[in-house]
Amino acid sequence: MTELETMDQAVKAASDKESKYLTFALAEEEYGISILKVKEIIGMMSITSVPQTPPFVKGVINLRGKVIPVVDLRLKFGMEEMAYTERTCIIVVEIAGDAGVSQVNTQMGIVVDAVSEVLNIKAGDVEETPTFGAALNTDFILGMAKMEGGVKILLDIDKVLSQQEFEAVTAVKTGESPLPAEVTPEQPPAESTPEEAVV
């Protein structure tokens, strides 16, 4: 069993505890998202690009017959684009957003540099998000977790995308079914080797 599979099992086992976060690396920073939002972790696999989508939407993947839109968090956060490596992972999350008169949940893949670990972060260790001025939107940041060796930025994954962006991602998902011919049905996700899966 690879480290990536072990991490995926840890995510599933911990998914009922609100204080647990899956942490991951992006550029030189560490981020965390609630384990309740994480469905699974997979290695990089073939992504089919979709025309006329925002630059941060890399396209769609076929995950066991299900079409999942994929967003590159580096590009979404305005960071420099980086070539994918064997440590790059896709975290499949479930996000909630408004679709007209009702709220819908949809699965989305987010590309991160590497997964780190599952942490139990106590409320007392979380500081409020600093104020950076009205020009900078930080609504998607839940807070800053003070940990040994630094700070982890906790994300509200439901708010990372704006309403317009959520609608665009949802449209990508619904508009690409059936899958393009170049995506092979039942294509298994690529897996990282143990030493490459975890920082």
C-alpha atoms as a PDB file:
ATOM      1  CA  MET A   1       0.000   0.000   0.000  1.00  0.00           C
ATOM      2  CA  THR A   2       1.393   3.388  -0.995  1.00  0.00           C
ATOM      3  CA  GLU A   3       1.590   6.450   1.248  1.00  0.00           C
ATOM      4  CA  LEU A   4      -1.010   8.091  -0.975  1.00  0.00           C
ATOM      5  CA  GLU A   5      -3.436   5.209  -0.344  1.00  0.00           C
ATOM      6  CA  THR A   6      -2.671   5.371   3.376  1.00  0.00           C
ATOM      7  CA  MET A   7      -3.372   9.114   3.385  1.00  0.00           C
ATOM      8  CA  ASP A   8      -6.625   8.522   1.500  1.00  0.00           C
ATOM      9  CA  GLN A   9      -7.703   5.953   4.113  1.00  0.00           C
ATOM     10  CA  ALA A  10      -6.798   8.369   6.908  1.00  0.00           C
ATOM     11  CA  VAL A  11      -9.010  10.990   5.274  1.00  0.00           C
ATOM     12  CA  LYS A  12     -11.963   8.593   5.133  1.00  0.00           C
ATOM     13  CA  ALA A  13     -11.437   7.407   8.709  1.00  0.00           C
ATOM     14  CA  ALA A  14     -11.272  10.942  10.069  1.00  0.00           C
ATOM     15  CA  SER A  15     -14.098  12.412   8.031  1.00  0.00           C
ATOM     16  CA  ASP A  16     -16.529  12.581  10.964  1.00  0.00           C
ATOM     17  CA  LYS A  17     -14.374  14.879  13.116  1.00  0.00           C
ATOM     18  CA  GLU A  18     -14.834  18.574  12.456  1.00  0.00           C
ATOM     19  CA  SER A  19     -11.537  19.633  13.996  1.00  0.00           C
ATOM     20  CA  LYS A  20      -9.451  17.598  11.583  1.00  0.00           C
ATOM     21  CA  TYR A  21      -7.879  19.146   8.506  1.00  0.00           C
ATOM     22  CA  LEU A  22      -6.038  17.753   5.540  1.00  0.00           C
ATOM     23  CA  THR A  23      -2.955  19.897   5.026  1.00  0.00           C
ATOM     24  CA  PHE A  24      -1.139  20.379   1.752  1.00  0.00           C
ATOM     25  CA  ALA A  25       1.671  22.406   0.215  1.00  0.00           C
ATOM     26  CA  LEU A  26       1.174  25.149  -2.337  1.00  0.00           C
ATOM     27  CA  ALA A  27       4.252  27.145  -3.346  1.00  0.00           C
ATOM     28  CA  GLU A  28       6.121  27.750  -0.079  1.00  0.00           C
ATOM     29  CA  GLU A  29       3.028  27.752   2.132  1.00  0.00           C
ATOM     30  CA  GLU A  30       0.976  25.143   3.979  1.00  0.00           C
ATOM     31  CA  TYR A  31      -2.806  25.136   3.692  1.00  0.00           C
ATOM     32  CA  GLY A  32      -5.564  23.093   5.290  1.00  0.00           C
ATOM     33  CA  ILE A  33      -9.124  22.152   4.391  1.00  0.00           C
ATOM     34  CA  SER A  34     -11.723  20.484   6.585  1.00  0.00           C
ATOM     35  CA  ILE A  35     -11.599  16.720   6.306  1.00  0.00           C
ATOM     36  CA  LEU A  36     -15.405  16.789   5.993  1.00  0.00           C
ATOM     37  CA  LYS A  37     -15.017  18.319   2.545  1.00  0.00           C
ATOM     38  CA  VAL A  38     -12.467  15.792   1.279  1.00  0.00           C
ATOM     39  CA  LYS A  39     -13.720  12.794  -0.687  1.00  0.00           C
ATOM     40  CA  GLU A  40     -10.407  11.257  -1.742  1.00  0.00           C
ATOM     41  CA  ILE A  41      -6.842  11.952  -2.806  1.00  0.00           C
ATOM     42  CA  ILE A  42      -5.467  10.741  -6.119  1.00  0.00           C
ATOM     43  CA  GLY A  43      -2.229  11.108  -8.003  1.00  0.00           C
ATOM     44  CA  MET A  44      -2.075  13.176 -11.167  1.00  0.00           C
ATOM     45  CA  MET A  45      -3.877  11.693 -14.126  1.00  0.00           C
ATOM     46  CA  SER A  46      -4.767  12.762 -17.643  1.00  0.00           C
ATOM     47  CA  ILE A  47      -6.805  15.999 -17.644  1.00  0.00           C
ATOM     48  CA  THR A  48      -8.925  16.802 -20.690  1.00  0.00           C
ATOM     49  CA  SER A  49      -8.943  20.546 -21.323  1.00  0.00           C
ATOM     50  CA  VAL A  50     -12.228  22.295 -21.996  1.00  0.00           C
ATOM     51  CA  PRO A  51     -12.380  25.339 -24.321  1.00  0.00           C
ATOM     52  CA  GLN A  52     -13.509  28.765 -23.110  1.00  0.00           C
ATOM     53  CA  THR A  53     -13.046  28.116 -19.398  1.00  0.00           C
ATOM     54  CA  PRO A  54     -11.188  30.308 -16.882  1.00  0.00           C
ATOM     55  CA  PRO A  55      -7.394  29.764 -16.938  1.00  0.00           C
ATOM     56  CA  PHE A  56      -7.396  28.110 -13.506  1.00  0.00           C
ATOM     57  CA  VAL A  57      -9.856  25.422 -14.691  1.00  0.00           C
ATOM     58  CA  LYS A  58      -7.531  22.774 -16.090  1.00  0.00           C
ATOM     59  CA  GLY A  59     -10.357  20.649 -17.502  1.00  0.00           C
ATOM     60  CA  VAL A  60     -12.026  17.411 -16.467  1.00  0.00           C
ATOM     61  CA  ILE A  61     -10.948  13.966 -15.380  1.00  0.00           C
ATOM     62  CA  ASN A  62     -12.790  10.671 -15.594  1.00  0.00           C
ATOM     63  CA  LEU A  63     -12.731   9.194 -12.103  1.00  0.00           C
ATOM     64  CA  ARG A  64     -14.252   5.728 -12.285  1.00  0.00           C
ATOM     65  CA  GLY A  65     -16.789   6.873 -14.853  1.00  0.00           C
ATOM     66  CA  LYS A  66     -17.650  10.165 -13.127  1.00  0.00           C
ATOM     67  CA  VAL A  67     -16.747  13.504 -14.727  1.00  0.00           C
ATOM     68  CA  ILE A  68     -14.901  15.729 -12.235  1.00  0.00           C
ATOM     69  CA  PRO A  69     -13.824  19.314 -13.070  1.00  0.00           C
ATOM     70  CA  VAL A  70     -10.281  20.143 -11.973  1.00  0.00           C
ATOM     71  CA  VAL A  71      -9.054  23.514 -10.675  1.00  0.00           C
ATOM     72  CA  ASP A  72      -5.372  24.408 -10.236  1.00  0.00           C
ATOM     73  CA  LEU A  73      -5.176  26.247  -6.898  1.00  0.00           C
ATOM     74  CA  ARG A  74      -1.861  27.875  -7.848  1.00  0.00           C
ATOM     75  CA  LEU A  75      -3.525  29.622 -10.772  1.00  0.00           C
ATOM     76  CA  LYS A  76      -6.698  30.402  -8.792  1.00  0.00           C
ATOM     77  CA  PHE A  77      -4.601  32.162  -6.145  1.00  0.00           C
ATOM     78  CA  GLY A  78      -2.534  34.051  -8.714  1.00  0.00           C
ATOM     79  CA  MET A  79       0.675  32.091  -8.103  1.00  0.00           C
ATOM     80  CA  GLU A  80       3.222  31.161 -10.725  1.00  0.00           C
ATOM     81  CA  GLU A  81       2.283  28.075 -12.718  1.00  0.00           C
ATOM     82  CA  MET A  82       4.495  25.069 -12.033  1.00  0.00           C
ATOM     83  CA  ALA A  83       5.048  21.891 -14.022  1.00  0.00           C
ATOM     84  CA  TYR A  84       3.354  18.922 -12.367  1.00  0.00           C
ATOM     85  CA  THR A  85       5.638  16.425 -10.648  1.00  0.00           C
ATOM     86  CA  GLU A  86       5.215  12.978  -9.150  1.00  0.00           C
ATOM     87  CA  ARG A  87       4.365  14.679  -5.848  1.00  0.00           C
ATOM     88  CA  THR A  88       1.532  16.720  -7.364  1.00  0.00           C
ATOM     89  CA  CYS A  89      -1.873  15.464  -6.214  1.00  0.00           C
ATOM     90  CA  ILE A  90      -5.530  16.041  -6.934  1.00  0.00           C
ATOM     91  CA  ILE A  91      -7.705  16.383  -3.838  1.00  0.00           C
ATOM     92  CA  VAL A  92     -11.329  15.597  -4.685  1.00  0.00           C
ATOM     93  CA  VAL A  93     -13.569  17.836  -2.588  1.00  0.00           C
ATOM     94  CA  GLU A  94     -17.303  18.423  -2.362  1.00  0.00           C
ATOM     95  CA  ILE A  95     -18.246  22.074  -2.539  1.00  0.00           C
ATOM     96  CA  ALA A  96     -21.593  23.776  -2.020  1.00  0.00           C
ATOM     97  CA  GLY A  97     -22.846  26.665  -4.110  1.00  0.00           C
ATOM     98  CA  ASP A  98     -25.995  28.393  -5.297  1.00  0.00           C
ATOM     99  CA  ALA A  99     -27.618  27.236  -8.523  1.00  0.00           C
ATOM    100  CA  GLY A 100     -30.480  29.624  -9.080  1.00  0.00           C
ATOM    101  CA  VAL A 101     -33.048  29.116  -6.331  1.00  0.00           C
ATOM    102  CA  SER A 102     -31.408  26.141  -4.668  1.00  0.00           C
ATOM    103  CA  GLN A 103     -28.049  25.141  -3.230  1.00  0.00           C
ATOM    104  CA  VAL A 104     -26.198  22.281  -4.896  1.00  0.00           C
ATOM    105  CA  ASN A 105     -23.195  20.195  -3.950  1.00  0.00           C
ATOM    106  CA  THR A 106     -20.702  19.245  -6.614  1.00  0.00           C
ATOM    107  CA  GLN A 107     -17.417  17.378  -6.613  1.00  0.00           C
ATOM    108  CA  MET A 108     -14.319  19.154  -7.848  1.00  0.00           C
ATOM    109  CA  GLY A 109     -10.650  18.257  -8.007  1.00  0.00           C
ATOM    110  CA  ILE A 110      -8.079  20.744  -6.733  1.00  0.00           C
ATOM    111  CA  VAL A 111      -4.465  20.425  -7.844  1.00  0.00           C
ATOM    112  CA  VAL A 112      -1.895  20.941  -5.060  1.00  0.00           C
ATOM    113  CA  ASP A 113       1.878  20.619  -4.965  1.00  0.00           C
ATOM    114  CA  ALA A 114       1.811  17.782  -2.410  1.00  0.00           C
ATOM    115  CA  VAL A 115      -0.339  16.468   0.422  1.00  0.00           C
ATOM    116  CA  SER A 116       1.170  16.688   3.886  1.00  0.00           C
ATOM    117  CA  GLU A 117      -0.833  15.144   6.713  1.00  0.00           C
ATOM    118  CA  VAL A 118      -4.129  15.038   8.578  1.00  0.00           C
ATOM    119  CA  LEU A 119      -3.989  17.314  11.624  1.00  0.00           C
ATOM    120  CA  ASN A 120      -6.296  17.728  14.601  1.00  0.00           C
ATOM    121  CA  ILE A 121      -6.370  21.505  14.962  1.00  0.00           C
ATOM    122  CA  LYS A 122      -7.934  22.890  18.138  1.00  0.00           C
ATOM    123  CA  ALA A 123     -10.076  26.016  18.081  1.00  0.00           C
ATOM    124  CA  GLY A 124      -7.654  27.710  20.461  1.00  0.00           C
ATOM    125  CA  ASP A 125      -4.856  27.332  17.933  1.00  0.00           C
ATOM    126  CA  VAL A 126      -6.715  29.260  15.227  1.00  0.00           C
ATOM    127  CA  GLU A 127      -6.339  33.033  14.891  1.00  0.00           C
ATOM    128  CA  GLU A 128      -8.723  35.254  12.956  1.00  0.00           C
ATOM    129  CA  THR A 129      -7.708  36.155   9.407  1.00  0.00           C
ATOM    130  CA  PRO A 130      -5.641  39.359   9.415  1.00  0.00           C
ATOM    131  CA  THR A 131      -7.131  42.390   7.686  1.00  0.00           C
ATOM    132  CA  PHE A 132      -5.312  43.171   4.452  1.00  0.00           C
ATOM    133  CA  GLY A 133      -7.548  46.020   3.320  1.00  0.00           C
ATOM    134  CA  ALA A 134     -10.788  46.189   1.384  1.00  0.00           C
ATOM    135  CA  ALA A 135      -9.077  45.508  -1.953  1.00  0.00           C
ATOM    136  CA  LEU A 136      -8.144  41.945  -0.971  1.00  0.00           C
ATOM    137  CA  ASN A 137     -10.899  39.344  -0.582  1.00  0.00           C
ATOM    138  CA  THR A 138     -10.066  36.926   2.226  1.00  0.00           C
ATOM    139  CA  ASP A 139     -13.580  35.518   2.766  1.00  0.00           C
ATOM    140  CA  PHE A 140     -12.324  32.069   1.724  1.00  0.00           C
ATOM    141  CA  ILE A 141      -9.809  31.963   4.604  1.00  0.00           C
ATOM    142  CA  LEU A 142     -11.268  30.444   7.782  1.00  0.00           C
ATOM    143  CA  GLY A 143      -8.290  31.448   9.882  1.00  0.00           C
ATOM    144  CA  MET A 144      -4.608  30.944  10.588  1.00  0.00           C
ATOM    145  CA  ALA A 145      -3.633  27.829  12.543  1.00  0.00           C
ATOM    146  CA  LYS A 146      -0.588  28.309  14.764  1.00  0.00           C
ATOM    147  CA  MET A 147       1.486  25.153  14.579  1.00  0.00           C
ATOM    148  CA  GLU A 148       5.028  24.227  15.511  1.00  0.00           C
ATOM    149  CA  GLY A 149       7.309  25.598  12.856  1.00  0.00           C
ATOM    150  CA  GLY A 150       4.862  28.041  11.319  1.00  0.00           C
ATOM    151  CA  VAL A 151       1.319  28.898  10.355  1.00  0.00           C
ATOM    152  CA  LYS A 152      -1.146  26.927   8.241  1.00  0.00           C
ATOM    153  CA  ILE A 153      -3.778  28.808   6.256  1.00  0.00           C
ATOM    154  CA  LEU A 154      -7.181  27.172   6.734  1.00  0.00           C
ATOM    155  CA  LEU A 155      -9.438  27.454   3.675  1.00  0.00           C
ATOM    156  CA  ASP A 156     -13.214  27.509   3.410  1.00  0.00           C
ATOM    157  CA  ILE A 157     -13.294  25.497   0.199  1.00  0.00           C
ATOM    158  CA  ASP A 158     -16.933  26.507  -0.446  1.00  0.00           C
ATOM    159  CA  LYS A 159     -15.832  30.156  -0.787  1.00  0.00           C
ATOM    160  CA  VAL A 160     -12.646  29.721  -2.825  1.00  0.00           C
ATOM    161  CA  LEU A 161     -14.684  30.085  -6.007  1.00  0.00           C
ATOM    162  CA  SER A 162     -16.925  33.088  -6.589  1.00  0.00           C
ATOM    163  CA  GLN A 163     -20.542  32.464  -7.562  1.00  0.00           C
ATOM    164  CA  GLN A 164     -19.712  33.097 -11.214  1.00  0.00           C
ATOM    165  CA  GLU A 165     -16.705  30.763 -11.033  1.00  0.00           C
ATOM    166  CA  PHE A 166     -18.786  28.073  -9.312  1.00  0.00           C
ATOM    167  CA  GLU A 167     -21.327  28.265 -12.111  1.00  0.00           C
ATOM    168  CA  ALA A 168     -18.531  28.019 -14.708  1.00  0.00           C
ATOM    169  CA  VAL A 169     -17.067  24.924 -13.021  1.00  0.00           C
ATOM    170  CA  THR A 170     -20.509  23.333 -12.727  1.00  0.00           C
ATOM    171  CA  ALA A 171     -21.133  24.027 -16.424  1.00  0.00           C
ATOM    172  CA  VAL A 172     -17.843  22.313 -17.303  1.00  0.00           C
ATOM    173  CA  LYS A 173     -18.984  19.236 -15.409  1.00  0.00           C
ATOM    174  CA  THR A 174     -22.407  19.020 -16.986  1.00  0.00           C
ATOM    175  CA  GLY A 175     -21.295  20.121 -20.435  1.00  0.00           C
ATOM    176  CA  GLU A 176     -18.638  17.430 -20.828  1.00  0.00           C
ATOM    177  CA  SER A 177     -20.869  14.378 -20.557  1.00  0.00           C
ATOM    178  CA  PRO A 178     -20.410  12.065 -22.307  1.00  0.00           C
ATOM    179  CA  LEU A 179     -16.643  12.184 -21.995  1.00  0.00           C
ATOM    180  CA  PRO A 180     -14.448  13.108 -24.955  1.00  0.00           C
ATOM    181  CA  ALA A 181     -13.060  10.160 -26.857  1.00  0.00           C
ATOM    182  CA  GLU A 182      -9.501  10.713 -25.635  1.00  0.00           C
ATOM    183  CA  VAL A 183     -10.495  10.018 -22.022  1.00  0.00           C
ATOM    184  CA  THR A 184     -10.585   6.281 -21.484  1.00  0.00           C
ATOM    185  CA  PRO A 185     -13.486   5.109 -19.291  1.00  0.00           C
ATOM    186  CA  GLU A 186     -12.511   3.435 -16.044  1.00  0.00           C
ATOM    187  CA  GLN A 187      -9.007   4.888 -16.286  1.00  0.00           C
ATOM    188  CA  PRO A 188      -7.367   4.240 -12.901  1.00  0.00           C
ATOM    189  CA  PRO A 189      -5.800   7.240 -11.147  1.00  0.00           C
ATOM    190  CA  ALA A 190      -2.017   7.462 -11.154  1.00  0.00           C
ATOM    191  CA  GLU A 191      -0.417   6.892  -7.777  1.00  0.00           C
ATOM    192  CA  SER A 192       2.670   8.432  -6.319  1.00  0.00           C
ATOM    193  CA  THR A 193       5.359   6.261  -4.798  1.00  0.00           C
ATOM    194  CA  PRO A 194       5.512   6.215  -0.979  1.00  0.00           C
ATOM    195  CA  GLU A 195       8.472   8.541  -0.643  1.00  0.00           C
ATOM    196  CA  GLU A 196       6.916  11.026  -3.051  1.00  0.00           C
ATOM    197  CA  ALA A 197       3.370  11.149  -1.693  1.00  0.00           C
ATOM    198  CA  VAL A 198       4.008  12.916   1.605  1.00  0.00           C
ATOM    199  CA  VAL A 199       6.318  15.818   2.355  1.00  0.00           C
END
